Amino acid sequence: MSLNQNLQNYLNINDTTLDKYIISTFYKFFVLENYKDFKIEFNKFLDETAIKGTILLAKEGVNGTISGSATDLKKFFLFLNKFNQFKDLVPKFSSSNKNPFLRMKVRLKKEIVTIGIPEVNPSNLVGNYLNVGKWNELLNESDSMIIDTRNEYEVSIGTFKNSINPKIKSFRDFPMWVKKNLIDKKVSKKSKIGMFCTGGIRCEKSTSYLKQLGFENVYHLNGGILKYLEDVKPEENEWKGECFVFDYRVSLNKSLQKGEHDMCYACRMPLSKKNKKNKHYVKGQSCQFCYNKTTIKQKERFNEREKQIKLFKVKNLNHLGPKD
């Protein structure tokens, strides 16, 4: 199936999205020797569209989240199809009433998702992919170990039942967690281990890492949580809570619509309605998780930023913040 056809199928199923922004996430691990040249190609094309978001390019592949009209996204995926390296990408889609991104950035990186170990190569070695049905079976097996590879603040608002929260601050911390909790504790290399993340990229890389360490029965959720929520039948849904996303929506519910959470722009923690009733919550300035961790000067700076955002909204302009 072509990328363009994949998008068309999404629109056919969700015809109410035609007047909304379509958000697409995609990634692929493969050897991309000339990735610096692709930045030029991508920028040249994207400058002629209203698409916004971020695309990361590295020698190990591509990772992107973009948003725009259905027309622009179709054009973009047709553009990708001109290059053999990108033909078998499988993007995931959702929609929003406004564009969740402020600008378009194509960035060159050492890794498309940072684990900090150059030897980890999902192009050569990776765990077994599981679709919705097989994943649900794994979740309910008493002898399986299910690991959430996301950051702790993401896990705090939703995860799968029976899963382990490593309580990491960034994906770069995952190898240390593995050392302390799997290697040092001499967990059997034959253990059945399943891993998951938002879109599939972190759990794919983490399965590659565990396979490299010698673990034999390693699995990951194909397409991540977003693909799971897109495909699973409501009565078979094992997801609990909401799913954190890295844009203004902050969280998505089980129907892939904007959830109830907002974000503290001082510490980036997702906040529930209950969190926002806490006495330490001041929009754009502080919340209960960071109030005692920032200085008065920092709070003043956050407060000034919030004033500028309100001013820009009154003038019907975008507050872009600092550029890269």
C-alpha atoms as a PDB file:
ATOM      1  CA  MET A   1       0.000   0.000   0.000  1.00  0.00           C
ATOM      2  CA  SER A   2       1.382   3.430  -0.915  1.00  0.00           C
ATOM      3  CA  LEU A   3       1.675   6.186   1.651  1.00  0.00           C
ATOM      4  CA  ASN A   4      -0.831   8.241  -0.304  1.00  0.00           C
ATOM      5  CA  GLN A   5      -3.324   5.338  -0.287  1.00  0.00           C
ATOM      6  CA  ASN A   6      -2.761   4.870   3.442  1.00  0.00           C
ATOM      7  CA  LEU A   7      -3.747   8.499   4.026  1.00  0.00           C
ATOM      8  CA  GLN A   8      -6.745   8.174   1.701  1.00  0.00           C
ATOM      9  CA  ASN A   9      -7.956   5.125   3.631  1.00  0.00           C
ATOM     10  CA  TYR A  10      -7.705   7.140   6.854  1.00  0.00           C
ATOM     11  CA  LEU A  11      -9.743   9.971   5.352  1.00  0.00           C
ATOM     12  CA  ASN A  12     -12.343   7.556   3.994  1.00  0.00           C
ATOM     13  CA  ILE A  13     -12.838   6.113   7.467  1.00  0.00           C
ATOM     14  CA  ASN A  14     -12.744   9.496   9.209  1.00  0.00           C
ATOM     15  CA  ASP A  15     -14.512  11.826   6.766  1.00  0.00           C
ATOM     16  CA  THR A  16     -15.095  14.400   9.535  1.00  0.00           C
ATOM     17  CA  THR A  17     -11.365  15.223   9.449  1.00  0.00           C
ATOM     18  CA  LEU A  18     -11.491  16.869   6.017  1.00  0.00           C
ATOM     19  CA  ASP A  19     -11.822  20.375   7.494  1.00  0.00           C
ATOM     20  CA  LYS A  20      -9.239  19.670  10.195  1.00  0.00           C
ATOM     21  CA  TYR A  21      -5.481  19.326  10.343  1.00  0.00           C
ATOM     22  CA  ILE A  22      -4.159  15.832   9.771  1.00  0.00           C
ATOM     23  CA  ILE A  23      -1.259  14.822  12.018  1.00  0.00           C
ATOM     24  CA  SER A  24       1.064  12.095  10.782  1.00  0.00           C
ATOM     25  CA  THR A  25       3.854  10.287  12.629  1.00  0.00           C
ATOM     26  CA  PHE A  26       6.309   8.012  10.837  1.00  0.00           C
ATOM     27  CA  TYR A  27       9.754   6.493  11.239  1.00  0.00           C
ATOM     28  CA  LYS A  28      11.997   3.891   9.678  1.00  0.00           C
ATOM     29  CA  PHE A  29      15.339   2.398  10.675  1.00  0.00           C
ATOM     30  CA  PHE A  30      17.564   1.859   7.642  1.00  0.00           C
ATOM     31  CA  VAL A  31      20.991   2.910   6.447  1.00  0.00           C
ATOM     32  CA  LEU A  32      20.640   6.428   5.012  1.00  0.00           C
ATOM     33  CA  GLU A  33      24.166   7.304   3.947  1.00  0.00           C
ATOM     34  CA  ASN A  34      23.226  10.528   2.170  1.00  0.00           C
ATOM     35  CA  TYR A  35      20.911  11.852   4.885  1.00  0.00           C
ATOM     36  CA  LYS A  36      22.431  15.341   4.692  1.00  0.00           C
ATOM     37  CA  ASP A  37      21.403  15.590   1.038  1.00  0.00           C
ATOM     38  CA  PHE A  38      17.847  14.633   1.962  1.00  0.00           C
ATOM     39  CA  LYS A  39      17.596  17.616   4.290  1.00  0.00           C
ATOM     40  CA  ILE A  40      18.065  19.872   1.265  1.00  0.00           C
ATOM     41  CA  GLU A  41      15.483  17.892  -0.737  1.00  0.00           C
ATOM     42  CA  PHE A  42      12.949  17.931   2.097  1.00  0.00           C
ATOM     43  CA  ASN A  43      13.328  21.641   2.819  1.00  0.00           C
ATOM     44  CA  LYS A  44      12.977  22.525  -0.845  1.00  0.00           C
ATOM     45  CA  PHE A  45       9.697  20.624  -1.072  1.00  0.00           C
ATOM     46  CA  LEU A  46       8.266  21.613   2.315  1.00  0.00           C
ATOM     47  CA  ASP A  47       8.880  25.314   1.694  1.00  0.00           C
ATOM     48  CA  GLU A  48       6.155  25.091  -0.970  1.00  0.00           C
ATOM     49  CA  THR A  49       3.583  23.735   1.514  1.00  0.00           C
ATOM     50  CA  ALA A  50       1.961  24.824   4.771  1.00  0.00           C
ATOM     51  CA  ILE A  51       3.093  21.625   6.544  1.00  0.00           C
ATOM     52  CA  LYS A  52       4.580  22.137  10.006  1.00  0.00           C
ATOM     53  CA  GLY A  53       6.318  19.802  12.454  1.00  0.00           C
ATOM     54  CA  THR A  54       9.704  18.121  12.794  1.00  0.00           C
ATOM     55  CA  ILE A  55      11.548  15.566  10.687  1.00  0.00           C
ATOM     56  CA  LEU A  56      14.779  14.034  11.999  1.00  0.00           C
ATOM     57  CA  LEU A  57      17.300  12.546   9.595  1.00  0.00           C
ATOM     58  CA  ALA A  58      20.296  10.436  10.593  1.00  0.00           C
ATOM     59  CA  LYS A  59      22.476   7.731   9.144  1.00  0.00           C
ATOM     60  CA  GLU A  60      20.193   5.216  10.911  1.00  0.00           C
ATOM     61  CA  GLY A  61      16.984   6.469   9.263  1.00  0.00           C
ATOM     62  CA  VAL A  62      14.117   8.955   9.538  1.00  0.00           C
ATOM     63  CA  ASN A  63      11.677   9.984  12.271  1.00  0.00           C
ATOM     64  CA  GLY A  64       8.954  12.567  11.766  1.00  0.00           C
ATOM     65  CA  THR A  65       5.784  14.135  13.104  1.00  0.00           C
ATOM     66  CA  ILE A  66       4.101  16.589  10.764  1.00  0.00           C
ATOM     67  CA  SER A  67       0.736  18.279  10.410  1.00  0.00           C
ATOM     68  CA  GLY A  68      -1.152  19.996   7.621  1.00  0.00           C
ATOM     69  CA  SER A  69      -4.135  19.790   5.324  1.00  0.00           C
ATOM     70  CA  ALA A  70      -5.051  16.485   3.751  1.00  0.00           C
ATOM     71  CA  THR A  71      -4.041  17.952   0.379  1.00  0.00           C
ATOM     72  CA  ASP A  72      -0.569  18.943   1.567  1.00  0.00           C
ATOM     73  CA  LEU A  73       0.046  15.604   3.288  1.00  0.00           C
ATOM     74  CA  LYS A  74      -0.927  13.717   0.137  1.00  0.00           C
ATOM     75  CA  LYS A  75       1.582  15.826  -1.789  1.00  0.00           C
ATOM     76  CA  PHE A  76       4.260  15.119   0.803  1.00  0.00           C
ATOM     77  CA  PHE A  77       3.755  11.356   0.760  1.00  0.00           C
ATOM     78  CA  LEU A  78       3.747  11.330  -3.048  1.00  0.00           C
ATOM     79  CA  PHE A  79       7.029  13.234  -2.855  1.00  0.00           C
ATOM     80  CA  LEU A  80       8.435  10.592  -0.469  1.00  0.00           C
ATOM     81  CA  ASN A  81       7.388   7.842  -2.836  1.00  0.00           C
ATOM     82  CA  LYS A  82       9.847   9.133  -5.418  1.00  0.00           C
ATOM     83  CA  PHE A  83      12.651   7.769  -3.237  1.00  0.00           C
ATOM     84  CA  ASN A  84      13.000   4.002  -2.862  1.00  0.00           C
ATOM     85  CA  GLN A  85      14.310   4.381   0.706  1.00  0.00           C
ATOM     86  CA  PHE A  86      10.948   5.736   1.933  1.00  0.00           C
ATOM     87  CA  LYS A  87       8.460   3.649  -0.065  1.00  0.00           C
ATOM     88  CA  ASP A  88       7.595   1.208   2.723  1.00  0.00           C
ATOM     89  CA  LEU A  89       7.005   3.734   5.508  1.00  0.00           C
ATOM     90  CA  VAL A  90       3.754   3.108   7.403  1.00  0.00           C
ATOM     91  CA  PRO A  91       2.547   6.432   8.832  1.00  0.00           C
ATOM     92  CA  LYS A  92      -0.034   6.799  11.579  1.00  0.00           C
ATOM     93  CA  PHE A  93      -2.702   9.491  11.488  1.00  0.00           C
ATOM     94  CA  SER A  94      -4.848  11.531  13.827  1.00  0.00           C
ATOM     95  CA  SER A  95      -6.575  14.907  13.502  1.00  0.00           C
ATOM     96  CA  SER A  96      -6.874  18.238  15.273  1.00  0.00           C
ATOM     97  CA  ASN A  97      -8.923  21.419  15.010  1.00  0.00           C
ATOM     98  CA  LYS A  98      -5.740  23.466  14.764  1.00  0.00           C
ATOM     99  CA  ASN A  99      -2.187  22.865  13.689  1.00  0.00           C
ATOM    100  CA  PRO A 100      -0.303  21.581  16.758  1.00  0.00           C
ATOM    101  CA  PHE A 101       3.047  22.860  15.468  1.00  0.00           C
ATOM    102  CA  LEU A 102       4.348  26.374  14.885  1.00  0.00           C
ATOM    103  CA  ARG A 103       6.995  25.823  12.236  1.00  0.00           C
ATOM    104  CA  MET A 104       8.597  23.202  10.027  1.00  0.00           C
ATOM    105  CA  LYS A 105      12.030  21.879  11.016  1.00  0.00           C
ATOM    106  CA  VAL A 106      14.178  19.295   9.241  1.00  0.00           C
ATOM    107  CA  ARG A 107      17.080  18.413  11.518  1.00  0.00           C
ATOM    108  CA  LEU A 108      20.198  16.286  11.178  1.00  0.00           C
ATOM    109  CA  LYS A 109      20.955  14.036  14.158  1.00  0.00           C
ATOM    110  CA  LYS A 110      23.355  11.299  15.231  1.00  0.00           C
ATOM    111  CA  GLU A 111      20.348   9.133  16.104  1.00  0.00           C
ATOM    112  CA  ILE A 112      16.673   9.454  15.197  1.00  0.00           C
ATOM    113  CA  VAL A 113      15.924   8.380  18.769  1.00  0.00           C
ATOM    114  CA  THR A 114      18.742   8.695  21.284  1.00  0.00           C
ATOM    115  CA  ILE A 115      19.855   5.692  23.298  1.00  0.00           C
ATOM    116  CA  GLY A 116      23.524   6.676  23.255  1.00  0.00           C
ATOM    117  CA  ILE A 117      24.948   3.292  22.212  1.00  0.00           C
ATOM    118  CA  PRO A 118      26.196   3.350  18.591  1.00  0.00           C
ATOM    119  CA  GLU A 119      26.283  -0.448  18.376  1.00  0.00           C
ATOM    120  CA  VAL A 120      22.490  -0.691  18.695  1.00  0.00           C
ATOM    121  CA  ASN A 121      21.227  -1.111  15.141  1.00  0.00           C
ATOM    122  CA  PRO A 122      17.558  -2.025  14.537  1.00  0.00           C
ATOM    123  CA  SER A 123      18.316  -2.325  10.814  1.00  0.00           C
ATOM    124  CA  ASN A 124      20.322  -5.483  11.570  1.00  0.00           C
ATOM    125  CA  LEU A 125      18.761  -6.878  14.755  1.00  0.00           C
ATOM    126  CA  VAL A 126      15.339  -6.295  16.269  1.00  0.00           C
ATOM    127  CA  GLY A 127      12.660  -8.056  18.316  1.00  0.00           C
ATOM    128  CA  ASN A 128       9.437  -9.614  17.057  1.00  0.00           C
ATOM    129  CA  TYR A 129       6.608  -7.307  16.000  1.00  0.00           C
ATOM    130  CA  LEU A 130       3.194  -7.966  17.528  1.00  0.00           C
ATOM    131  CA  ASN A 131      -0.130  -6.711  16.220  1.00  0.00           C
ATOM    132  CA  VAL A 132      -3.098  -5.873  18.458  1.00  0.00           C
ATOM    133  CA  GLY A 133      -4.342  -9.423  19.010  1.00  0.00           C
ATOM    134  CA  LYS A 134      -0.959 -10.969  19.779  1.00  0.00           C
ATOM    135  CA  TRP A 135      -0.058  -8.006  21.988  1.00  0.00           C
ATOM    136  CA  ASN A 136      -3.195  -8.474  24.078  1.00  0.00           C
ATOM    137  CA  GLU A 137      -2.311 -12.150  24.465  1.00  0.00           C
ATOM    138  CA  LEU A 138       1.172 -11.209  25.698  1.00  0.00           C
ATOM    139  CA  LEU A 139      -0.286  -8.696  28.167  1.00  0.00           C
ATOM    140  CA  ASN A 140      -2.351 -11.428  29.743  1.00  0.00           C
ATOM    141  CA  GLU A 141       0.342 -14.108  29.975  1.00  0.00           C
ATOM    142  CA  SER A 142       1.434 -14.572  33.593  1.00  0.00           C
ATOM    143  CA  ASP A 143       5.052 -15.310  32.696  1.00  0.00           C
ATOM    144  CA  SER A 144       5.620 -12.276  30.442  1.00  0.00           C
ATOM    145  CA  MET A 145       7.393  -9.045  31.412  1.00  0.00           C
ATOM    146  CA  ILE A 146       5.845  -5.922  29.820  1.00  0.00           C
ATOM    147  CA  ILE A 147       8.054  -2.800  29.879  1.00  0.00           C
ATOM    148  CA  ASP A 148       6.931   0.752  29.108  1.00  0.00           C
ATOM    149  CA  THR A 149       9.960   2.379  27.425  1.00  0.00           C
ATOM    150  CA  ARG A 150       8.616   5.943  27.661  1.00  0.00           C
ATOM    151  CA  ASN A 151       9.606   8.695  30.084  1.00  0.00           C
ATOM    152  CA  GLU A 152       8.056   8.728  33.535  1.00  0.00           C
ATOM    153  CA  TYR A 153       5.949  11.839  32.912  1.00  0.00           C
ATOM    154  CA  GLU A 154       4.410  10.088  29.883  1.00  0.00           C
ATOM    155  CA  VAL A 155       3.646   6.938  31.855  1.00  0.00           C
ATOM    156  CA  SER A 156       2.052   9.014  34.627  1.00  0.00           C
ATOM    157  CA  ILE A 157      -1.118   9.657  32.614  1.00  0.00           C
ATOM    158  CA  GLY A 158      -1.638   6.253  31.022  1.00  0.00           C
ATOM    159  CA  THR A 159      -0.144   2.839  30.268  1.00  0.00           C
ATOM    160  CA  PHE A 160      -1.057  -0.799  29.625  1.00  0.00           C
ATOM    161  CA  LYS A 161      -2.212  -2.973  32.491  1.00  0.00           C
ATOM    162  CA  ASN A 162       0.410  -5.233  34.044  1.00  0.00           C
ATOM    163  CA  SER A 163       3.250  -3.128  32.617  1.00  0.00           C
ATOM    164  CA  ILE A 164       6.478  -2.044  34.341  1.00  0.00           C
ATOM    165  CA  ASN A 165       7.317   1.649  34.651  1.00  0.00           C
ATOM    166  CA  PRO A 166      11.144   2.029  34.582  1.00  0.00           C
ATOM    167  CA  LYS A 167      10.723   5.634  35.855  1.00  0.00           C
ATOM    168  CA  ILE A 168      13.290   7.028  33.449  1.00  0.00           C
ATOM    169  CA  LYS A 169      13.651  10.738  32.652  1.00  0.00           C
ATOM    170  CA  SER A 170      14.781  10.136  29.075  1.00  0.00           C
ATOM    171  CA  PHE A 171      15.250   7.183  26.720  1.00  0.00           C
ATOM    172  CA  ARG A 172      19.009   7.543  27.164  1.00  0.00           C
ATOM    173  CA  ASP A 173      18.468   6.258  30.745  1.00  0.00           C
ATOM    174  CA  PHE A 174      16.941   2.985  29.536  1.00  0.00           C
ATOM    175  CA  PRO A 175      20.230   1.001  29.239  1.00  0.00           C
ATOM    176  CA  MET A 176      21.074   1.767  32.883  1.00  0.00           C
ATOM    177  CA  TRP A 177      17.632   0.553  33.958  1.00  0.00           C
ATOM    178  CA  VAL A 178      18.220  -2.659  31.979  1.00  0.00           C
ATOM    179  CA  LYS A 179      21.585  -3.160  33.685  1.00  0.00           C
ATOM    180  CA  LYS A 180      20.163  -2.714  37.194  1.00  0.00           C
ATOM    181  CA  ASN A 181      16.911  -4.603  36.707  1.00  0.00           C
ATOM    182  CA  LEU A 182      17.670  -7.286  34.136  1.00  0.00           C
ATOM    183  CA  ILE A 183      21.420  -7.885  33.935  1.00  0.00           C
ATOM    184  CA  ASP A 184      22.415  -7.372  37.597  1.00  0.00           C
ATOM    185  CA  LYS A 185      19.371  -9.330  38.794  1.00  0.00           C
ATOM    186  CA  LYS A 186      20.289 -12.131  36.381  1.00  0.00           C
ATOM    187  CA  VAL A 187      16.895 -12.247  34.679  1.00  0.00           C
ATOM    188  CA  SER A 188      16.860 -15.283  32.392  1.00  0.00           C
ATOM    189  CA  LYS A 189      17.838 -14.551  28.779  1.00  0.00           C
ATOM    190  CA  LYS A 190      14.921 -16.802  27.807  1.00  0.00           C
ATOM    191  CA  SER A 191      12.347 -14.591  29.578  1.00  0.00           C
ATOM    192  CA  LYS A 192       9.440 -13.393  27.467  1.00  0.00           C
ATOM    193  CA  ILE A 193       9.773  -9.577  27.326  1.00  0.00           C
ATOM    194  CA  GLY A 194       7.397  -7.189  25.563  1.00  0.00           C
ATOM    195  CA  MET A 195       8.031  -3.457  25.149  1.00  0.00           C
ATOM    196  CA  PHE A 196       5.985  -0.531  23.904  1.00  0.00           C
ATOM    197  CA  CYS A 197       6.115   3.235  23.358  1.00  0.00           C
ATOM    198  CA  THR A 198       4.021   5.964  21.706  1.00  0.00           C
ATOM    199  CA  GLY A 199       4.714   5.361  18.024  1.00  0.00           C
ATOM    200  CA  GLY A 200       6.971   2.306  18.008  1.00  0.00           C
ATOM    201  CA  ILE A 201      10.397   3.853  17.533  1.00  0.00           C
ATOM    202  CA  ARG A 202      11.701   3.647  21.111  1.00  0.00           C
ATOM    203  CA  CYS A 203      10.445   0.120  21.734  1.00  0.00           C
ATOM    204  CA  GLU A 204      11.904  -1.026  18.410  1.00  0.00           C
ATOM    205  CA  LYS A 205      15.301   0.317  19.391  1.00  0.00           C
ATOM    206  CA  SER A 206      15.014  -1.126  22.896  1.00  0.00           C
ATOM    207  CA  THR A 207      14.271  -4.596  21.511  1.00  0.00           C
ATOM    208  CA  SER A 208      17.366  -4.292  19.339  1.00  0.00           C
ATOM    209  CA  TYR A 209      19.361  -3.440  22.464  1.00  0.00           C
ATOM    210  CA  LEU A 210      18.028  -6.427  24.437  1.00  0.00           C
ATOM    211  CA  LYS A 211      18.633  -8.788  21.528  1.00  0.00           C
ATOM    212  CA  GLN A 212      22.198  -7.492  21.371  1.00  0.00           C
ATOM    213  CA  LEU A 213      22.548  -8.356  25.063  1.00  0.00           C
ATOM    214  CA  GLY A 214      21.450 -11.927  24.344  1.00  0.00           C
ATOM    215  CA  PHE A 215      17.766 -11.895  25.343  1.00  0.00           C
ATOM    216  CA  GLU A 216      16.012 -14.349  23.052  1.00  0.00           C
ATOM    217  CA  ASN A 217      12.253 -13.790  23.389  1.00  0.00           C
ATOM    218  CA  VAL A 218      11.843 -10.066  22.856  1.00  0.00           C
ATOM    219  CA  TYR A 219       8.701  -8.468  21.397  1.00  0.00           C
ATOM    220  CA  HIS A 220       7.409  -4.985  20.722  1.00  0.00           C
ATOM    221  CA  LEU A 221       4.059  -3.449  19.832  1.00  0.00           C
ATOM    222  CA  ASN A 222       4.014  -2.806  16.090  1.00  0.00           C
ATOM    223  CA  GLY A 223       3.257   0.883  15.510  1.00  0.00           C
ATOM    224  CA  GLY A 224       3.187   1.659  19.213  1.00  0.00           C
ATOM    225  CA  ILE A 225       0.293   2.877  21.335  1.00  0.00           C
ATOM    226  CA  LEU A 226      -1.102   5.140  18.601  1.00  0.00           C
ATOM    227  CA  LYS A 227      -1.456   2.295  16.128  1.00  0.00           C
ATOM    228  CA  TYR A 228      -2.904   0.073  18.851  1.00  0.00           C
ATOM    229  CA  LEU A 229      -5.611   2.638  19.683  1.00  0.00           C
ATOM    230  CA  GLU A 230      -6.321   3.067  15.968  1.00  0.00           C
ATOM    231  CA  ASP A 231      -6.797  -0.673  15.378  1.00  0.00           C
ATOM    232  CA  VAL A 232      -8.139  -2.178  18.618  1.00  0.00           C
ATOM    233  CA  LYS A 233     -11.823  -2.937  19.123  1.00  0.00           C
ATOM    234  CA  PRO A 234     -13.279  -0.966  22.077  1.00  0.00           C
ATOM    235  CA  GLU A 235     -14.233  -4.128  23.957  1.00  0.00           C
ATOM    236  CA  GLU A 236     -10.669  -5.486  23.598  1.00  0.00           C
ATOM    237  CA  ASN A 237      -8.845  -2.289  24.554  1.00  0.00           C
ATOM    238  CA  GLU A 238      -6.337  -2.934  27.357  1.00  0.00           C
ATOM    239  CA  TRP A 239      -5.046   0.653  27.497  1.00  0.00           C
ATOM    240  CA  LYS A 240      -5.613   2.523  30.754  1.00  0.00           C
ATOM    241  CA  GLY A 241      -5.756   6.328  30.854  1.00  0.00           C
ATOM    242  CA  GLU A 242      -4.554   8.701  28.132  1.00  0.00           C
ATOM    243  CA  CYS A 243      -1.542   8.745  25.833  1.00  0.00           C
ATOM    244  CA  PHE A 244       0.971  11.599  26.033  1.00  0.00           C
ATOM    245  CA  VAL A 245       1.919  13.264  22.725  1.00  0.00           C
ATOM    246  CA  PHE A 246       4.606  15.856  22.071  1.00  0.00           C
ATOM    247  CA  ASP A 247       2.467  18.749  20.807  1.00  0.00           C
ATOM    248  CA  TYR A 248      -0.123  21.218  22.082  1.00  0.00           C
ATOM    249  CA  ARG A 249      -2.722  18.454  22.499  1.00  0.00           C
ATOM    250  CA  VAL A 250      -0.575  16.982  25.332  1.00  0.00           C
ATOM    251  CA  SER A 251      -2.664  13.808  25.524  1.00  0.00           C
ATOM    252  CA  LEU A 252      -5.012  11.711  23.411  1.00  0.00           C
ATOM    253  CA  ASN A 253      -7.879   9.581  24.674  1.00  0.00           C
ATOM    254  CA  LYS A 254      -8.734   6.078  23.498  1.00  0.00           C
ATOM    255  CA  SER A 255     -10.500   7.539  20.453  1.00  0.00           C
ATOM    256  CA  LEU A 256      -7.324   9.443  19.479  1.00  0.00           C
ATOM    257  CA  GLN A 257      -9.028  12.741  20.245  1.00  0.00           C
ATOM    258  CA  LYS A 258      -7.510  15.448  22.448  1.00  0.00           C
ATOM    259  CA  GLY A 259      -7.553  14.310  26.074  1.00  0.00           C
ATOM    260  CA  GLU A 260      -8.134  16.233  29.279  1.00  0.00           C
ATOM    261  CA  HIS A 261      -4.499  16.976  30.109  1.00  0.00           C
ATOM    262  CA  ASP A 262      -2.685  20.273  29.709  1.00  0.00           C
ATOM    263  CA  MET A 263       1.020  20.933  30.184  1.00  0.00           C
ATOM    264  CA  CYS A 264       3.022  22.908  32.713  1.00  0.00           C
ATOM    265  CA  TYR A 265       5.293  24.949  30.456  1.00  0.00           C
ATOM    266  CA  ALA A 266       7.760  25.436  33.294  1.00  0.00           C
ATOM    267  CA  CYS A 267       8.577  21.735  33.838  1.00  0.00           C
ATOM    268  CA  ARG A 268       6.717  20.022  30.921  1.00  0.00           C
ATOM    269  CA  MET A 269       4.670  17.766  33.183  1.00  0.00           C
ATOM    270  CA  PRO A 270       1.201  16.778  31.901  1.00  0.00           C
ATOM    271  CA  LEU A 271      -1.477  18.118  34.226  1.00  0.00           C
ATOM    272  CA  SER A 272      -4.936  16.719  34.907  1.00  0.00           C
ATOM    273  CA  LYS A 273      -7.931  18.844  35.871  1.00  0.00           C
ATOM    274  CA  LYS A 274      -7.216  17.921  39.486  1.00  0.00           C
ATOM    275  CA  ASN A 275      -3.561  19.021  39.166  1.00  0.00           C
ATOM    276  CA  LYS A 276      -4.685  22.425  37.869  1.00  0.00           C
ATOM    277  CA  LYS A 277      -6.762  22.985  41.003  1.00  0.00           C
ATOM    278  CA  ASN A 278      -3.644  22.702  43.176  1.00  0.00           C
ATOM    279  CA  LYS A 279      -2.651  25.960  44.888  1.00  0.00           C
ATOM    280  CA  HIS A 280       0.768  25.918  43.232  1.00  0.00           C
ATOM    281  CA  TYR A 281      -0.622  25.864  39.701  1.00  0.00           C
ATOM    282  CA  VAL A 282      -0.191  29.134  37.837  1.00  0.00           C
ATOM    283  CA  LYS A 283      -0.717  28.855  34.100  1.00  0.00           C
ATOM    284  CA  GLY A 284       2.566  29.099  32.242  1.00  0.00           C
ATOM    285  CA  GLN A 285       4.530  29.590  35.469  1.00  0.00           C
ATOM    286  CA  SER A 286       4.379  26.668  37.897  1.00  0.00           C
ATOM    287  CA  CYS A 287       2.611  23.537  39.085  1.00  0.00           C
ATOM    288  CA  GLN A 288       2.753  21.250  42.121  1.00  0.00           C
ATOM    289  CA  PHE A 289       5.591  19.262  40.532  1.00  0.00           C
ATOM    290  CA  CYS A 290       7.971  22.178  40.001  1.00  0.00           C
ATOM    291  CA  TYR A 291       6.878  24.987  42.331  1.00  0.00           C
ATOM    292  CA  ASN A 292       9.660  24.271  44.838  1.00  0.00           C
ATOM    293  CA  LYS A 293      12.250  23.519  42.155  1.00  0.00           C
ATOM    294  CA  THR A 294      12.396  26.884  40.360  1.00  0.00           C
ATOM    295  CA  THR A 295      13.729  30.237  41.526  1.00  0.00           C
ATOM    296  CA  ILE A 296      11.755  33.450  41.815  1.00  0.00           C
ATOM    297  CA  LYS A 297      13.667  34.768  38.809  1.00  0.00           C
ATOM    298  CA  GLN A 298      12.661  31.728  36.763  1.00  0.00           C
ATOM    299  CA  LYS A 299       9.008  32.105  37.795  1.00  0.00           C
ATOM    300  CA  GLU A 300       9.125  35.754  36.722  1.00  0.00           C
ATOM    301  CA  ARG A 301      10.529  34.730  33.352  1.00  0.00           C
ATOM    302  CA  PHE A 302       7.832  32.070  32.883  1.00  0.00           C
ATOM    303  CA  ASN A 303       5.186  34.622  33.856  1.00  0.00           C
ATOM    304  CA  GLU A 304       6.506  37.126  31.315  1.00  0.00           C
ATOM    305  CA  ARG A 305       6.433  34.434  28.631  1.00  0.00           C
ATOM    306  CA  GLU A 306       2.778  33.708  29.421  1.00  0.00           C
ATOM    307  CA  LYS A 307       1.968  37.435  29.108  1.00  0.00           C
ATOM    308  CA  GLN A 308       3.645  37.508  25.694  1.00  0.00           C
ATOM    309  CA  ILE A 309       1.651  34.481  24.541  1.00  0.00           C
ATOM    310  CA  LYS A 310      -1.611  36.188  25.559  1.00  0.00           C
ATOM    311  CA  LEU A 311      -0.538  39.381  23.800  1.00  0.00           C
ATOM    312  CA  PHE A 312       0.244  37.521  20.603  1.00  0.00           C
ATOM    313  CA  LYS A 313      -3.117  35.749  20.749  1.00  0.00           C
ATOM    314  CA  VAL A 314      -4.907  39.097  21.021  1.00  0.00           C
ATOM    315  CA  LYS A 315      -3.012  40.272  17.938  1.00  0.00           C
ATOM    316  CA  ASN A 316      -3.849  36.962  16.227  1.00  0.00           C
ATOM    317  CA  LEU A 317      -0.168  36.059  15.856  1.00  0.00           C
ATOM    318  CA  ASN A 318       1.779  32.924  16.708  1.00  0.00           C
ATOM    319  CA  HIS A 319       4.130  32.985  19.663  1.00  0.00           C
ATOM    320  CA  LEU A 320       7.033  31.051  18.244  1.00  0.00           C
ATOM    321  CA  GLY A 321       9.482  31.167  21.134  1.00  0.00           C
ATOM    322  CA  PRO A 322      13.203  30.702  20.571  1.00  0.00           C
ATOM    323  CA  LYS A 323      14.357  29.258  17.262  1.00  0.00           C
ATOM    324  CA  ASP A 324      16.844  26.407  17.003  1.00  0.00           C
END
